[in-house]
Amino acid sequence: MTATMDRVCKEALELPLDQRLTVVYRILEQSDAGLDSGVVERDWDGVIRERMERYDSGQAKTRLASEVFAELEKRLGE
């Protein structure tokens, strides 16, 4: 793997599971992998429901979008 790919994989694996799934979904969505989109959508629906349940129950940790984007800008600038 290239150094960039190694770094991206390392950082992705450090994300919480739901965020890793989001990354995978976005990559698969943009690829020509020939995936059955119904399967991906059903799996994604489960992730969405889980997130909503965690938020509604107060278990989800929330942050301001401005904080998230500032952190991303900092990480991508390194």
Protein backbone atom coordinates (compact mmCIF):
# COMPACT_ATOMS: atom_id res chain seq x y z
CA MET A 1 0.00 0.00 0.00
CA THR A 2 1.04 3.57 -0.48
CA ALA A 3 1.80 5.77 2.51
CA THR A 4 -1.43 7.72 1.90
CA MET A 5 -3.53 4.57 1.77
CA ASP A 6 -1.87 3.23 4.92
CA ARG A 7 -2.63 6.51 6.73
CA VAL A 8 -6.25 6.57 5.54
CA CYS A 9 -6.81 2.95 6.59
CA LYS A 10 -5.18 3.53 9.98
CA GLU A 11 -7.31 6.61 10.65
CA ALA A 12 -10.49 4.88 9.45
CA LEU A 13 -9.89 1.96 11.81
CA GLU A 14 -9.62 4.40 14.72
CA LEU A 15 -13.16 5.65 14.11
CA PRO A 16 -16.13 4.35 16.09
CA LEU A 17 -17.99 1.51 14.37
CA ASP A 18 -20.89 3.62 13.12
CA GLN A 19 -18.50 6.10 11.51
CA ARG A 20 -16.46 3.29 9.91
CA LEU A 21 -19.67 1.92 8.44
CA THR A 22 -20.49 5.36 7.05
CA VAL A 23 -17.08 5.52 5.34
CA VAL A 24 -17.51 2.02 3.89
CA TYR A 25 -21.01 2.82 2.68
CA ARG A 26 -19.88 6.00 0.96
CA ILE A 27 -17.00 4.21 -0.77
CA LEU A 28 -19.21 1.34 -1.91
CA GLU A 29 -21.89 3.75 -3.05
CA GLN A 30 -19.40 5.45 -5.37
CA SER A 31 -17.77 2.27 -6.67
CA ASP A 32 -18.66 -0.05 -9.50
CA ALA A 33 -18.53 -3.07 -7.19
CA GLY A 34 -21.84 -4.34 -8.54
CA LEU A 35 -23.31 -4.57 -5.06
CA ASP A 36 -26.98 -5.26 -4.57
CA SER A 37 -28.05 -1.79 -3.48
CA GLY A 38 -31.08 -3.21 -1.65
CA VAL A 39 -28.78 -5.11 0.72
CA VAL A 40 -26.65 -2.04 1.37
CA GLU A 41 -29.73 0.11 1.95
CA ARG A 42 -31.26 -2.40 4.40
CA ASP A 43 -27.99 -2.54 6.36
CA TRP A 44 -27.75 1.25 6.32
CA ASP A 45 -31.33 1.51 7.62
CA GLY A 46 -30.26 -0.54 10.64
CA VAL A 47 -27.36 1.81 11.35
CA ILE A 48 -29.67 4.81 11.07
CA ARG A 49 -32.20 3.26 13.47
CA GLU A 50 -29.44 2.41 15.95
CA ARG A 51 -28.12 5.98 15.85
CA MET A 52 -31.60 7.41 16.35
CA GLU A 53 -32.24 5.12 19.33
CA ARG A 54 -28.93 6.11 20.92
CA TYR A 55 -29.68 9.80 20.38
CA ASP A 56 -33.25 9.54 21.69
CA SER A 57 -32.10 7.65 24.80
CA GLY A 58 -29.39 10.20 25.53
CA GLN A 59 -26.57 7.69 24.97
CA ALA A 60 -25.18 9.41 21.89
CA LYS A 61 -22.41 11.91 22.41
CA THR A 62 -23.10 14.97 20.28
CA ARG A 63 -20.86 17.77 19.05
CA LEU A 64 -21.39 20.96 17.16
CA ALA A 65 -20.90 20.56 13.42
CA SER A 66 -18.46 23.48 13.49
CA GLU A 67 -16.25 21.56 15.94
CA VAL A 68 -16.34 18.42 13.79
CA PHE A 69 -15.45 20.30 10.61
CA ALA A 70 -12.67 22.22 12.36
CA GLU A 71 -11.16 18.93 13.56
CA LEU A 72 -11.43 17.43 10.07
CA GLU A 73 -9.75 20.47 8.53
CA LYS A 74 -6.93 20.17 11.06
CA ARG A 75 -6.47 16.43 10.46
CA LEU A 76 -6.58 16.75 6.68
CA GLY A 77 -4.12 19.63 6.76
CA GLU A 78 -1.46 17.53 8.50
